[in-house]
PDB file of N, CA and C in Angstrom:
ATOM      1  N   MET A   1      32.560   2.637 130.341  1.00  0.00           N
ATOM      2  CA  MET A   1      31.162   2.441 130.087  1.00  0.00           C
ATOM      3  C   MET A   1      31.331   1.732 131.362  1.00  0.00           C
ATOM      4  N   ASN A   2      29.987   2.121 132.324  1.00  0.00           N
ATOM      5  CA  ASN A   2      29.767   1.715 133.380  1.00  0.00           C
ATOM      6  C   ASN A   2      28.641   0.210 133.154  1.00  0.00           C
ATOM      7  N   GLU A   3      29.019  -0.929 133.680  1.00  0.00           N
ATOM      8  CA  GLU A   3      28.402  -2.047 133.621  1.00  0.00           C
ATOM      9  C   GLU A   3      27.025  -1.760 134.531  1.00  0.00           C
ATOM     10  N   LEU A   4      25.939  -2.726 134.175  1.00  0.00           N
ATOM     11  CA  LEU A   4      24.945  -2.485 134.594  1.00  0.00           C
ATOM     12  C   LEU A   4      24.956  -3.630 135.420  1.00  0.00           C
ATOM     13  N   THR A   5      24.076  -3.804 137.234  1.00  0.00           N
ATOM     14  CA  THR A   5      23.815  -4.372 137.971  1.00  0.00           C
ATOM     15  C   THR A   5      23.080  -5.501 137.647  1.00  0.00           C
ATOM     16  N   PRO A   6      23.127  -6.641 136.796  1.00  0.00           N
ATOM     17  CA  PRO A   6      21.875  -7.711 136.644  1.00  0.00           C
ATOM     18  C   PRO A   6      20.968  -7.475 137.351  1.00  0.00           C
ATOM     19  N   PRO A   7      19.436  -7.527 136.970  1.00  0.00           N
ATOM     20  CA  PRO A   7      18.169  -7.718 137.705  1.00  0.00           C
ATOM     21  C   PRO A   7      18.124  -8.478 138.435  1.00  0.00           C
ATOM     22  N   ALA A   8      17.443  -8.886 139.464  1.00  0.00           N
ATOM     23  CA  ALA A   8      17.057  -9.748 140.321  1.00  0.00           C
ATOM     24  C   ALA A   8      15.579  -9.882 140.069  1.00  0.00           C
ATOM     25  N   LEU A   9      15.385 -11.497 140.621  1.00  0.00           N
ATOM     26  CA  LEU A   9      13.672 -11.775 140.789  1.00  0.00           C
ATOM     27  C   LEU A   9      13.306 -10.827 141.981  1.00  0.00           C
ATOM     28  N   HIS A  10      11.645 -10.391 141.712  1.00  0.00           N
ATOM     29  CA  HIS A  10      11.327  -9.751 142.922  1.00  0.00           C
ATOM     30  C   HIS A  10      10.054 -11.144 143.215  1.00  0.00           C
ATOM     31  N   HIS A  11       9.458 -11.260 142.057  1.00  0.00           N
ATOM     32  CA  HIS A  11       8.344 -11.903 142.486  1.00  0.00           C
ATOM     33  C   HIS A  11       7.893 -12.814 141.146  1.00  0.00           C
ATOM     34  N   VAL A  12       6.927 -13.713 140.871  1.00  0.00           N
ATOM     35  CA  VAL A  12       6.433 -14.304 139.764  1.00  0.00           C
ATOM     36  C   VAL A  12       5.017 -14.356 140.394  1.00  0.00           C
ATOM     37  N   SER A  13       3.992 -13.722 139.183  1.00  0.00           N
ATOM     38  CA  SER A  13       2.835 -13.822 139.178  1.00  0.00           C
ATOM     39  C   SER A  13       2.244 -15.043 138.471  1.00  0.00           C
ATOM     40  N   LEU A  14       0.977 -15.642 139.086  1.00  0.00           N
ATOM     41  CA  LEU A  14       0.134 -16.624 138.690  1.00  0.00           C
ATOM     42  C   LEU A  14      -1.130 -16.559 138.664  1.00  0.00           C
ATOM     43  N   VAL A  15      -2.013 -16.515 137.261  1.00  0.00           N
ATOM     44  CA  VAL A  15      -3.246 -16.837 137.262  1.00  0.00           C
ATOM     45  C   VAL A  15      -4.254 -17.681 137.890  1.00  0.00           C
ATOM     46  N   VAL A  16      -4.850 -17.802 139.053  1.00  0.00           N
ATOM     47  CA  VAL A  16      -5.107 -19.146 139.153  1.00  0.00           C
ATOM     48  C   VAL A  16      -6.958 -18.711 139.242  1.00  0.00           C
ATOM     49  N   ARG A  17      -7.385 -19.985 138.837  1.00  0.00           N
ATOM     50  CA  ARG A  17      -9.059 -19.886 138.778  1.00  0.00           C
ATOM     51  C   ARG A  17      -9.594 -19.564 140.257  1.00  0.00           C
ATOM     52  N   ASN A  18      -9.497 -20.407 141.386  1.00  0.00           N
ATOM     53  CA  ASN A  18     -10.143 -20.093 142.453  1.00  0.00           C
ATOM     54  C   ASN A  18      -9.064 -19.813 143.338  1.00  0.00           C
ATOM     55  N   LEU A  19      -9.091 -18.248 144.202  1.00  0.00           N
ATOM     56  CA  LEU A  19      -8.030 -17.744 145.005  1.00  0.00           C
ATOM     57  C   LEU A  19      -8.001 -18.764 146.410  1.00  0.00           C
ATOM     58  N   ASP A  20      -9.485 -19.475 146.796  1.00  0.00           N
ATOM     59  CA  ASP A  20      -9.474 -20.060 148.076  1.00  0.00           C
ATOM     60  C   ASP A  20      -8.422 -21.570 147.782  1.00  0.00           C
ATOM     61  N   GLU A  21      -8.688 -21.641 146.793  1.00  0.00           N
ATOM     62  CA  GLU A  21      -8.184 -23.568 146.645  1.00  0.00           C
ATOM     63  C   GLU A  21      -6.525 -23.073 146.295  1.00  0.00           C
ATOM     64  N   ALA A  22      -6.456 -22.001 145.541  1.00  0.00           N
ATOM     65  CA  ALA A  22      -4.896 -21.587 145.596  1.00  0.00           C
ATOM     66  C   ALA A  22      -3.911 -21.333 146.625  1.00  0.00           C
ATOM     67  N   LEU A  23      -4.710 -20.686 147.940  1.00  0.00           N
ATOM     68  CA  LEU A  23      -4.010 -20.479 148.761  1.00  0.00           C
ATOM     69  C   LEU A  23      -4.106 -21.868 149.947  1.00  0.00           C
ATOM     70  N   ASP A  24      -5.128 -22.470 149.902  1.00  0.00           N
ATOM     71  CA  ASP A  24      -5.043 -23.830 150.406  1.00  0.00           C
ATOM     72  C   ASP A  24      -3.877 -24.625 149.867  1.00  0.00           C
ATOM     73  N   PHE A  25      -3.928 -24.748 148.736  1.00  0.00           N
ATOM     74  CA  PHE A  25      -2.657 -25.293 148.081  1.00  0.00           C
ATOM     75  C   PHE A  25      -1.278 -24.971 148.362  1.00  0.00           C
ATOM     76  N   TYR A  26      -1.075 -23.608 147.851  1.00  0.00           N
ATOM     77  CA  TYR A  26       0.325 -22.793 148.196  1.00  0.00           C
ATOM     78  C   TYR A  26       0.488 -22.431 149.271  1.00  0.00           C
ATOM     79  N   VAL A  27      -0.023 -22.281 150.663  1.00  0.00           N
ATOM     80  CA  VAL A  27      -0.032 -21.928 151.670  1.00  0.00           C
ATOM     81  C   VAL A  27      -0.532 -23.234 152.899  1.00  0.00           C
ATOM     82  N   GLY A  28      -1.564 -24.258 152.542  1.00  0.00           N
ATOM     83  CA  GLY A  28      -1.489 -25.287 153.333  1.00  0.00           C
ATOM     84  C   GLY A  28      -0.663 -26.439 153.127  1.00  0.00           C
ATOM     85  N   ALA A  29      -0.415 -26.849 151.622  1.00  0.00           N
ATOM     86  CA  ALA A  29       0.274 -27.478 151.256  1.00  0.00           C
ATOM     87  C   ALA A  29       1.568 -27.830 151.017  1.00  0.00           C
ATOM     88  N   LEU A  30       1.973 -26.607 150.649  1.00  0.00           N
ATOM     89  CA  LEU A  30       3.153 -26.204 150.546  1.00  0.00           C
ATOM     90  C   LEU A  30       4.097 -25.547 151.214  1.00  0.00           C
ATOM     91  N   GLY A  31       3.157 -24.675 152.327  1.00  0.00           N
ATOM     92  CA  GLY A  31       3.937 -24.077 153.419  1.00  0.00           C
ATOM     93  C   GLY A  31       4.523 -22.739 153.184  1.00  0.00           C
ATOM     94  N   LEU A  32       4.192 -22.019 152.059  1.00  0.00           N
ATOM     95  CA  LEU A  32       4.382 -20.875 152.204  1.00  0.00           C
ATOM     96  C   LEU A  32       3.721 -19.592 152.801  1.00  0.00           C
ATOM     97  N   ARG A  33       4.035 -18.409 152.833  1.00  0.00           N
ATOM     98  CA  ARG A  33       2.842 -17.919 154.217  1.00  0.00           C
ATOM     99  C   ARG A  33       2.475 -16.678 153.260  1.00  0.00           C
ATOM    100  N   GLN A  34       1.451 -16.138 153.478  1.00  0.00           N
ATOM    101  CA  GLN A  34       0.526 -15.071 153.325  1.00  0.00           C
ATOM    102  C   GLN A  34       1.172 -13.762 153.588  1.00  0.00           C
ATOM    103  N   ARG A  35       1.345 -12.900 152.382  1.00  0.00           N
ATOM    104  CA  ARG A  35       1.635 -11.363 153.025  1.00  0.00           C
ATOM    105  C   ARG A  35       0.314 -10.464 153.308  1.00  0.00           C
ATOM    106  N   THR A  36       0.633  -9.174 154.048  1.00  0.00           N
ATOM    107  CA  THR A  36      -0.537  -8.845 154.599  1.00  0.00           C
ATOM    108  C   THR A  36      -0.704  -7.335 153.995  1.00  0.00           C
ATOM    109  N   ASP A  37       0.372  -7.474 153.085  1.00  0.00           N
ATOM    110  CA  ASP A  37       1.019  -6.126 152.266  1.00  0.00           C
ATOM    111  C   ASP A  37       0.049  -5.628 150.681  1.00  0.00           C
ATOM    112  N   ARG A  38      -0.740  -6.614 150.655  1.00  0.00           N
ATOM    113  CA  ARG A  38      -0.876  -6.486 149.331  1.00  0.00           C
ATOM    114  C   ARG A  38      -1.998  -5.669 149.196  1.00  0.00           C
ATOM    115  N   PRO A  39      -2.191  -4.397 148.386  1.00  0.00           N
ATOM    116  CA  PRO A  39      -3.024  -3.261 148.352  1.00  0.00           C
ATOM    117  C   PRO A  39      -4.130  -3.742 147.951  1.00  0.00           C
ATOM    118  N   ASP A  40      -5.580  -3.265 148.262  1.00  0.00           N
ATOM    119  CA  ASP A  40      -6.830  -3.672 147.765  1.00  0.00           C
ATOM    120  C   ASP A  40      -6.758  -3.163 146.132  1.00  0.00           C
ATOM    121  N   THR A  41      -7.131  -4.353 145.456  1.00  0.00           N
ATOM    122  CA  THR A  41      -7.684  -3.686 144.182  1.00  0.00           C
ATOM    123  C   THR A  41      -8.312  -4.289 143.291  1.00  0.00           C
ATOM    124  N   GLU A  42      -9.523  -3.981 142.178  1.00  0.00           N
ATOM    125  CA  GLU A  42     -10.413  -4.613 142.017  1.00  0.00           C
ATOM    126  C   GLU A  42     -10.728  -6.018 141.747  1.00  0.00           C
ATOM    127  N   VAL A  43      -9.309  -6.835 141.317  1.00  0.00           N
ATOM    128  CA  VAL A  43      -9.295  -8.023 141.336  1.00  0.00           C
ATOM    129  C   VAL A  43      -8.753  -8.812 142.167  1.00  0.00           C
ATOM    130  N   ARG A  44      -9.175  -9.667 142.664  1.00  0.00           N
ATOM    131  CA  ARG A  44      -8.991 -11.074 143.872  1.00  0.00           C
ATOM    132  C   ARG A  44      -7.405 -11.534 143.861  1.00  0.00           C
ATOM    133  N   GLY A  45      -6.433 -11.470 145.041  1.00  0.00           N
ATOM    134  CA  GLY A  45      -5.216 -11.927 145.028  1.00  0.00           C
ATOM    135  C   GLY A  45      -4.885 -12.196 146.275  1.00  0.00           C
ATOM    136  N   ALA A  46      -3.517 -12.519 145.789  1.00  0.00           N
ATOM    137  CA  ALA A  46      -2.919 -12.558 147.220  1.00  0.00           C
ATOM    138  C   ALA A  46      -1.372 -12.911 147.119  1.00  0.00           C
ATOM    139  N   TRP A  47      -0.410 -12.032 147.779  1.00  0.00           N
ATOM    140  CA  TRP A  47       0.642 -12.087 147.816  1.00  0.00           C
ATOM    141  C   TRP A  47       1.485 -12.982 149.057  1.00  0.00           C
ATOM    142  N   LEU A  48       2.607 -13.906 148.550  1.00  0.00           N
ATOM    143  CA  LEU A  48       2.782 -14.923 149.259  1.00  0.00           C
ATOM    144  C   LEU A  48       4.406 -14.863 149.384  1.00  0.00           C
ATOM    145  N   ASP A  49       4.928 -15.157 150.572  1.00  0.00           N
ATOM    146  CA  ASP A  49       6.181 -14.900 150.522  1.00  0.00           C
ATOM    147  C   ASP A  49       6.844 -16.381 150.309  1.00  0.00           C
ATOM    148  N   LEU A  50       7.932 -16.408 149.392  1.00  0.00           N
ATOM    149  CA  LEU A  50       8.795 -17.654 148.893  1.00  0.00           C
ATOM    150  C   LEU A  50       9.972 -17.148 149.218  1.00  0.00           C
ATOM    151  N   ARG A  51      10.380 -17.476 150.248  1.00  0.00           N
ATOM    152  CA  ARG A  51      11.947 -17.026 150.863  1.00  0.00           C
ATOM    153  C   ARG A  51      11.991 -15.281 150.768  1.00  0.00           C
ATOM    154  N   ASP A  52      13.263 -15.462 149.763  1.00  0.00           N
ATOM    155  CA  ASP A  52      13.628 -13.804 149.486  1.00  0.00           C
ATOM    156  C   ASP A  52      12.574 -13.234 148.250  1.00  0.00           C
ATOM    157  N   HIS A  53      11.636 -14.152 147.812  1.00  0.00           N
ATOM    158  CA  HIS A  53      11.078 -13.687 146.538  1.00  0.00           C
ATOM    159  C   HIS A  53       9.319 -13.678 147.131  1.00  0.00           C
ATOM    160  N   GLN A  54       8.711 -13.161 146.372  1.00  0.00           N
ATOM    161  CA  GLN A  54       7.198 -13.358 145.994  1.00  0.00           C
ATOM    162  C   GLN A  54       6.643 -14.570 145.153  1.00  0.00           C
ATOM    163  N   LEU A  55       5.187 -14.627 145.738  1.00  0.00           N
ATOM    164  CA  LEU A  55       4.466 -15.207 144.707  1.00  0.00           C
ATOM    165  C   LEU A  55       3.275 -14.711 144.613  1.00  0.00           C
ATOM    166  N   HIS A  56       2.852 -14.072 144.019  1.00  0.00           N
ATOM    167  CA  HIS A  56       1.439 -13.275 143.489  1.00  0.00           C
ATOM    168  C   HIS A  56       0.536 -14.345 142.968  1.00  0.00           C
ATOM    169  N   LEU A  57      -0.282 -14.398 143.434  1.00  0.00           N
ATOM    170  CA  LEU A  57      -1.630 -14.898 143.031  1.00  0.00           C
ATOM    171  C   LEU A  57      -2.675 -14.039 142.461  1.00  0.00           C
ATOM    172  N   ILE A  58      -3.211 -14.255 141.144  1.00  0.00           N
ATOM    173  CA  ILE A  58      -4.250 -13.196 140.685  1.00  0.00           C
ATOM    174  C   ILE A  58      -5.223 -14.000 140.328  1.00  0.00           C
ATOM    175  N   GLU A  59      -6.842 -13.776 140.812  1.00  0.00           N
ATOM    176  CA  GLU A  59      -7.940 -14.585 140.499  1.00  0.00           C
ATOM    177  C   GLU A  59      -8.239 -14.242 138.920  1.00  0.00           C
ATOM    178  N   GLY A  60      -8.933 -15.354 138.205  1.00  0.00           N
ATOM    179  CA  GLY A  60      -8.989 -15.225 137.104  1.00  0.00           C
ATOM    180  C   GLY A  60      -9.050 -16.379 135.855  1.00  0.00           C
ATOM    181  N   GLN A  61      -8.896 -16.572 134.748  1.00  0.00           N
ATOM    182  CA  GLN A  61      -8.723 -17.775 133.897  1.00  0.00           C
ATOM    183  C   GLN A  61      -7.250 -17.893 133.437  1.00  0.00           C
ATOM    184  N   PRO A  62      -6.972 -19.010 133.802  1.00  0.00           N
ATOM    185  CA  PRO A  62      -5.560 -19.362 133.524  1.00  0.00           C
ATOM    186  C   PRO A  62      -4.975 -19.335 132.107  1.00  0.00           C
ATOM    187  N   PRO A  63      -4.033 -19.209 131.567  1.00  0.00           N
ATOM    188  CA  PRO A  63      -3.554 -19.247 130.289  1.00  0.00           C
ATOM    189  C   PRO A  63      -3.597 -20.765 129.662  1.00  0.00           C
ATOM    190  N   PRO A  64      -3.954 -21.318 128.431  1.00  0.00           N
ATOM    191  CA  PRO A  64      -3.533 -22.489 128.495  1.00  0.00           C
ATOM    192  C   PRO A  64      -2.119 -22.699 128.684  1.00  0.00           C
ATOM    193  N   ALA A  65      -1.585 -24.188 128.841  1.00  0.00           N
ATOM    194  CA  ALA A  65      -0.862 -24.368 129.575  1.00  0.00           C
ATOM    195  C   ALA A  65       0.699 -25.032 128.233  1.00  0.00           C
ATOM    196  N   LEU A  66       1.650 -24.152 128.127  1.00  0.00           N
ATOM    197  CA  LEU A  66       2.361 -24.084 126.835  1.00  0.00           C
ATOM    198  C   LEU A  66       3.760 -24.680 127.464  1.00  0.00           C
ATOM    199  N   GLY A  67       4.188 -25.117 128.106  1.00  0.00           N
ATOM    200  CA  GLY A  67       5.217 -25.675 128.872  1.00  0.00           C
ATOM    201  C   GLY A  67       5.941 -24.542 130.110  1.00  0.00           C
ATOM    202  N   GLN A  68       5.161 -23.385 130.092  1.00  0.00           N
ATOM    203  CA  GLN A  68       5.613 -22.821 131.197  1.00  0.00           C
ATOM    204  C   GLN A  68       5.418 -23.173 132.662  1.00  0.00           C
ATOM    205  N   HIS A  69       6.433 -22.896 133.284  1.00  0.00           N
ATOM    206  CA  HIS A  69       6.242 -23.316 134.877  1.00  0.00           C
ATOM    207  C   HIS A  69       7.296 -22.385 135.593  1.00  0.00           C
ATOM    208  N   PHE A  70       7.004 -22.869 136.886  1.00  0.00           N
ATOM    209  CA  PHE A  70       8.363 -22.073 137.872  1.00  0.00           C
ATOM    210  C   PHE A  70       8.669 -23.160 138.482  1.00  0.00           C
ATOM    211  N   ALA A  71       9.785 -22.658 139.096  1.00  0.00           N
ATOM    212  CA  ALA A  71      10.416 -23.872 140.079  1.00  0.00           C
ATOM    213  C   ALA A  71      10.577 -23.610 141.446  1.00  0.00           C
ATOM    214  N   LEU A  72      10.280 -24.475 142.044  1.00  0.00           N
ATOM    215  CA  LEU A  72      10.424 -24.404 143.637  1.00  0.00           C
ATOM    216  C   LEU A  72      12.038 -24.859 144.432  1.00  0.00           C
ATOM    217  N   HIS A  73      13.113 -24.312 144.483  1.00  0.00           N
ATOM    218  CA  HIS A  73      14.280 -24.714 145.070  1.00  0.00           C
ATOM    219  C   HIS A  73      13.752 -25.442 146.511  1.00  0.00           C
ATOM    220  N   VAL A  74      14.163 -27.043 146.905  1.00  0.00           N
ATOM    221  CA  VAL A  74      13.785 -27.852 147.960  1.00  0.00           C
ATOM    222  C   VAL A  74      14.954 -28.318 148.549  1.00  0.00           C
ATOM    223  N   ALA A  75      15.249 -28.233 149.719  1.00  0.00           N
ATOM    224  CA  ALA A  75      16.230 -28.768 150.392  1.00  0.00           C
ATOM    225  C   ALA A  75      16.450 -30.405 150.422  1.00  0.00           C
ATOM    226  N   GLU A  76      14.924 -30.986 150.702  1.00  0.00           N
ATOM    227  CA  GLU A  76      14.553 -32.359 150.315  1.00  0.00           C
ATOM    228  C   GLU A  76      13.447 -32.717 149.911  1.00  0.00           C
ATOM    229  N   LEU A  77      13.471 -33.173 148.791  1.00  0.00           N
ATOM    230  CA  LEU A  77      12.161 -33.536 147.634  1.00  0.00           C
ATOM    231  C   LEU A  77      11.546 -34.599 148.357  1.00  0.00           C
ATOM    232  N   ASP A  78      12.418 -35.848 148.952  1.00  0.00           N
ATOM    233  CA  ASP A  78      11.327 -36.531 148.960  1.00  0.00           C
ATOM    234  C   ASP A  78      10.187 -36.566 150.215  1.00  0.00           C
ATOM    235  N   PRO A  79      10.755 -36.117 151.702  1.00  0.00           N
ATOM    236  CA  PRO A  79       9.494 -35.854 152.398  1.00  0.00           C
ATOM    237  C   PRO A  79       8.383 -34.976 151.668  1.00  0.00           C
ATOM    238  N   LEU A  80       9.063 -33.598 151.188  1.00  0.00           N
ATOM    239  CA  LEU A  80       7.762 -32.919 150.652  1.00  0.00           C
ATOM    240  C   LEU A  80       7.145 -33.293 149.760  1.00  0.00           C
ATOM    241  N   ARG A  81       7.359 -34.353 148.553  1.00  0.00           N
ATOM    242  CA  ARG A  81       6.882 -34.993 147.375  1.00  0.00           C
ATOM    243  C   ARG A  81       5.667 -36.401 148.246  1.00  0.00           C
ATOM    244  N   GLU A  82       6.513 -36.744 149.281  1.00  0.00           N
ATOM    245  CA  GLU A  82       5.532 -37.707 150.244  1.00  0.00           C
ATOM    246  C   GLU A  82       4.131 -36.821 150.782  1.00  0.00           C
ATOM    247  N   ARG A  83       5.113 -35.711 151.338  1.00  0.00           N
ATOM    248  CA  ARG A  83       3.491 -34.895 151.896  1.00  0.00           C
ATOM    249  C   ARG A  83       2.556 -34.645 150.982  1.00  0.00           C
ATOM    250  N   LEU A  84       2.726 -34.225 149.650  1.00  0.00           N
ATOM    251  CA  LEU A  84       2.110 -33.891 148.884  1.00  0.00           C
ATOM    252  C   LEU A  84       1.253 -35.009 148.458  1.00  0.00           C
ATOM    253  N   VAL A  85       1.871 -36.209 148.166  1.00  0.00           N
ATOM    254  CA  VAL A  85       0.938 -37.359 147.691  1.00  0.00           C
ATOM    255  C   VAL A  85       0.032 -38.037 148.654  1.00  0.00           C
ATOM    256  N   GLY A  86       0.055 -37.373 149.834  1.00  0.00           N
ATOM    257  CA  GLY A  86      -0.628 -37.720 151.164  1.00  0.00           C
ATOM    258  C   GLY A  86      -1.657 -36.891 151.255  1.00  0.00           C
ATOM    259  N   LEU A  87      -1.131 -35.446 150.569  1.00  0.00           N
ATOM    260  CA  LEU A  87      -2.472 -34.657 150.691  1.00  0.00           C
ATOM    261  C   LEU A  87      -3.276 -34.904 149.008  1.00  0.00           C
ATOM    262  N   GLY A  88      -3.452 -35.809 148.383  1.00  0.00           N
ATOM    263  CA  GLY A  88      -3.965 -36.174 147.269  1.00  0.00           C
ATOM    264  C   GLY A  88      -3.343 -35.554 145.915  1.00  0.00           C
ATOM    265  N   VAL A  89      -2.103 -35.247 146.221  1.00  0.00           N
ATOM    266  CA  VAL A  89      -1.492 -33.910 144.751  1.00  0.00           C
ATOM    267  C   VAL A  89      -0.727 -35.429 144.100  1.00  0.00           C
ATOM    268  N   GLU A  90      -0.767 -35.101 142.695  1.00  0.00           N
ATOM    269  CA  GLU A  90      -0.528 -35.931 141.688  1.00  0.00           C
ATOM    270  C   GLU A  90       1.226 -35.408 141.412  1.00  0.00           C
ATOM    271  N   VAL A  91       2.088 -35.937 142.076  1.00  0.00           N
ATOM    272  CA  VAL A  91       3.495 -35.423 141.750  1.00  0.00           C
ATOM    273  C   VAL A  91       4.107 -36.652 141.326  1.00  0.00           C
ATOM    274  N   SER A  92       5.032 -36.088 140.161  1.00  0.00           N
ATOM    275  CA  SER A  92       5.695 -37.156 139.385  1.00  0.00           C
ATOM    276  C   SER A  92       6.964 -37.270 140.175  1.00  0.00           C
ATOM    277  N   GLU A  93       7.629 -38.748 139.734  1.00  0.00           N
ATOM    278  CA  GLU A  93       8.387 -39.420 140.286  1.00  0.00           C
ATOM    279  C   GLU A  93       9.459 -38.737 140.267  1.00  0.00           C
ATOM    280  N   PRO A  94      10.386 -38.203 141.265  1.00  0.00           N
ATOM    281  CA  PRO A  94      11.935 -37.756 140.537  1.00  0.00           C
ATOM    282  C   PRO A  94      12.735 -37.915 139.732  1.00  0.00           C
ATOM    283  N   VAL A  95      13.290 -36.900 139.011  1.00  0.00           N
ATOM    284  CA  VAL A  95      13.866 -37.588 138.124  1.00  0.00           C
ATOM    285  C   VAL A  95      15.187 -37.054 137.998  1.00  0.00           C
ATOM    286  N   PRO A  96      16.353 -37.411 137.960  1.00  0.00           N
ATOM    287  CA  PRO A  96      17.921 -37.012 137.545  1.00  0.00           C
ATOM    288  C   PRO A  96      18.345 -35.996 136.884  1.00  0.00           C
ATOM    289  N   VAL A  97      18.780 -34.972 137.133  1.00  0.00           N
ATOM    290  CA  VAL A  97      19.032 -33.921 136.177  1.00  0.00           C
ATOM    291  C   VAL A  97      20.855 -33.495 136.501  1.00  0.00           C
ATOM    292  N   GLY A  98      21.318 -33.938 135.901  1.00  0.00           N
ATOM    293  CA  GLY A  98      22.641 -33.715 136.323  1.00  0.00           C
ATOM    294  C   GLY A  98      22.789 -34.674 137.549  1.00  0.00           C
ATOM    295  N   ARG A  99      23.376 -33.648 138.618  1.00  0.00           N
ATOM    296  CA  ARG A  99      23.255 -34.303 139.986  1.00  0.00           C
ATOM    297  C   ARG A  99      22.368 -33.898 140.574  1.00  0.00           C
ATOM    298  N   ALA A 100      21.655 -33.344 140.334  1.00  0.00           N
ATOM    299  CA  ALA A 100      19.987 -32.501 140.659  1.00  0.00           C
ATOM    300  C   ALA A 100      19.048 -33.401 140.738  1.00  0.00           C
ATOM    301  N   ARG A 101      17.523 -33.221 141.250  1.00  0.00           N
ATOM    302  CA  ARG A 101      16.598 -34.032 141.150  1.00  0.00           C
ATOM    303  C   ARG A 101      15.444 -33.072 140.962  1.00  0.00           C
ATOM    304  N   GLN A 102      14.168 -33.597 140.255  1.00  0.00           N
ATOM    305  CA  GLN A 102      13.222 -32.589 139.869  1.00  0.00           C
ATOM    306  C   GLN A 102      12.042 -33.553 139.931  1.00  0.00           C
ATOM    307  N   SER A 103      10.867 -33.190 140.040  1.00  0.00           N
ATOM    308  CA  SER A 103       9.482 -33.464 140.215  1.00  0.00           C
ATOM    309  C   SER A 103       8.434 -32.571 139.811  1.00  0.00           C
ATOM    310  N   PHE A 104       7.120 -32.680 139.158  1.00  0.00           N
ATOM    311  CA  PHE A 104       6.469 -32.121 138.404  1.00  0.00           C
ATOM    312  C   PHE A 104       5.051 -31.912 139.326  1.00  0.00           C
ATOM    313  N   LEU A 105       4.360 -31.194 139.173  1.00  0.00           N
ATOM    314  CA  LEU A 105       2.904 -31.057 139.507  1.00  0.00           C
ATOM    315  C   LEU A 105       2.467 -29.803 139.129  1.00  0.00           C
ATOM    316  N   GLN A 106       1.256 -30.147 139.517  1.00  0.00           N
ATOM    317  CA  GLN A 106       0.191 -28.680 139.044  1.00  0.00           C
ATOM    318  C   GLN A 106      -0.651 -28.461 140.253  1.00  0.00           C
ATOM    319  N   ASP A 107      -0.643 -27.476 140.077  1.00  0.00           N
ATOM    320  CA  ASP A 107      -1.665 -26.487 140.999  1.00  0.00           C
ATOM    321  C   ASP A 107      -2.985 -26.901 140.872  1.00  0.00           C
ATOM    322  N   PRO A 108      -4.425 -26.550 141.474  1.00  0.00           N
ATOM    323  CA  PRO A 108      -5.504 -26.547 141.508  1.00  0.00           C
ATOM    324  C   PRO A 108      -6.191 -26.101 139.607  1.00  0.00           C
ATOM    325  N   SER A 109      -5.362 -24.792 139.486  1.00  0.00           N
ATOM    326  CA  SER A 109      -5.625 -24.183 138.189  1.00  0.00           C
ATOM    327  C   SER A 109      -5.213 -24.856 137.222  1.00  0.00           C
ATOM    328  N   GLY A 110      -3.955 -26.039 137.230  1.00  0.00           N
ATOM    329  CA  GLY A 110      -3.448 -26.363 136.319  1.00  0.00           C
ATOM    330  C   GLY A 110      -2.123 -25.896 136.094  1.00  0.00           C
ATOM    331  N   ASN A 111      -1.662 -24.880 136.633  1.00  0.00           N
ATOM    332  CA  ASN A 111      -0.260 -24.150 136.643  1.00  0.00           C
ATOM    333  C   ASN A 111       0.693 -25.164 136.939  1.00  0.00           C
ATOM    334  N   HIS A 112       1.721 -25.415 136.365  1.00  0.00           N
ATOM    335  CA  HIS A 112       2.624 -26.290 136.334  1.00  0.00           C
ATOM    336  C   HIS A 112       3.640 -25.922 136.903  1.00  0.00           C
ATOM    337  N   VAL A 113       4.062 -26.715 138.395  1.00  0.00           N
ATOM    338  CA  VAL A 113       5.136 -26.162 139.350  1.00  0.00           C
ATOM    339  C   VAL A 113       6.416 -27.532 139.424  1.00  0.00           C
ATOM    340  N   GLU A 114       7.817 -27.101 139.536  1.00  0.00           N
ATOM    341  CA  GLU A 114       8.654 -28.004 139.182  1.00  0.00           C
ATOM    342  C   GLU A 114       8.889 -27.861 140.643  1.00  0.00           C
ATOM    343  N   LEU A 115       9.500 -28.809 141.690  1.00  0.00           N
ATOM    344  CA  LEU A 115      10.327 -28.851 142.619  1.00  0.00           C
ATOM    345  C   LEU A 115      11.441 -29.403 142.500  1.00  0.00           C
ATOM    346  N   HIS A 116      12.475 -28.469 142.728  1.00  0.00           N
ATOM    347  CA  HIS A 116      13.926 -28.796 142.233  1.00  0.00           C
ATOM    348  C   HIS A 116      14.687 -28.779 143.404  1.00  0.00           C
ATOM    349  N   GLU A 117      15.275 -30.222 143.605  1.00  0.00           N
ATOM    350  CA  GLU A 117      16.456 -30.234 144.885  1.00  0.00           C
ATOM    351  C   GLU A 117      17.616 -30.365 144.068  1.00  0.00           C
ATOM    352  N   SER A 118      18.640 -29.595 144.711  1.00  0.00           N
ATOM    353  CA  SER A 118      20.238 -29.370 143.854  1.00  0.00           C
ATOM    354  C   SER A 118      20.952 -30.561 144.374  1.00  0.00           C
ATOM    355  N   ALA A 119      22.201 -30.925 144.044  1.00  0.00           N
ATOM    356  CA  ALA A 119      23.085 -31.694 144.061  1.00  0.00           C
ATOM    357  C   ALA A 119      23.124 -31.978 145.639  1.00  0.00           C
ATOM    358  N   ARG A 120      23.401 -32.603 146.480  1.00  0.00           N
ATOM    359  CA  ARG A 120      23.839 -33.037 147.631  1.00  0.00           C
ATOM    360  C   ARG A 120      25.379 -32.689 147.790  1.00  0.00           C
TER     361      ARG A 120
END
């Protein structure tokens, strides 16, 4: 019997209330880069580069928060957290998780985002 190669993550898709606000946040505050290869569809949206993966933003009504979130791996948590706080974003204090650290925030649509710094 042949073993299957496990699948890999290609993208995460988020529903955002206002695409322009979301782009300001993800591109302007977090530094992601907008892609130019998203096909035209009836739904407003954007594709963003997230290193080897993508974040797809789809304009609509986000679902209620039930604990779902996605995590961004960051090289250094403190400088990014300070930058975001300076831009008026509420970011939790870093919490140790084993030898790693994490902080949480919400995007303008209320989607939860974890900032994860691996052990140094």
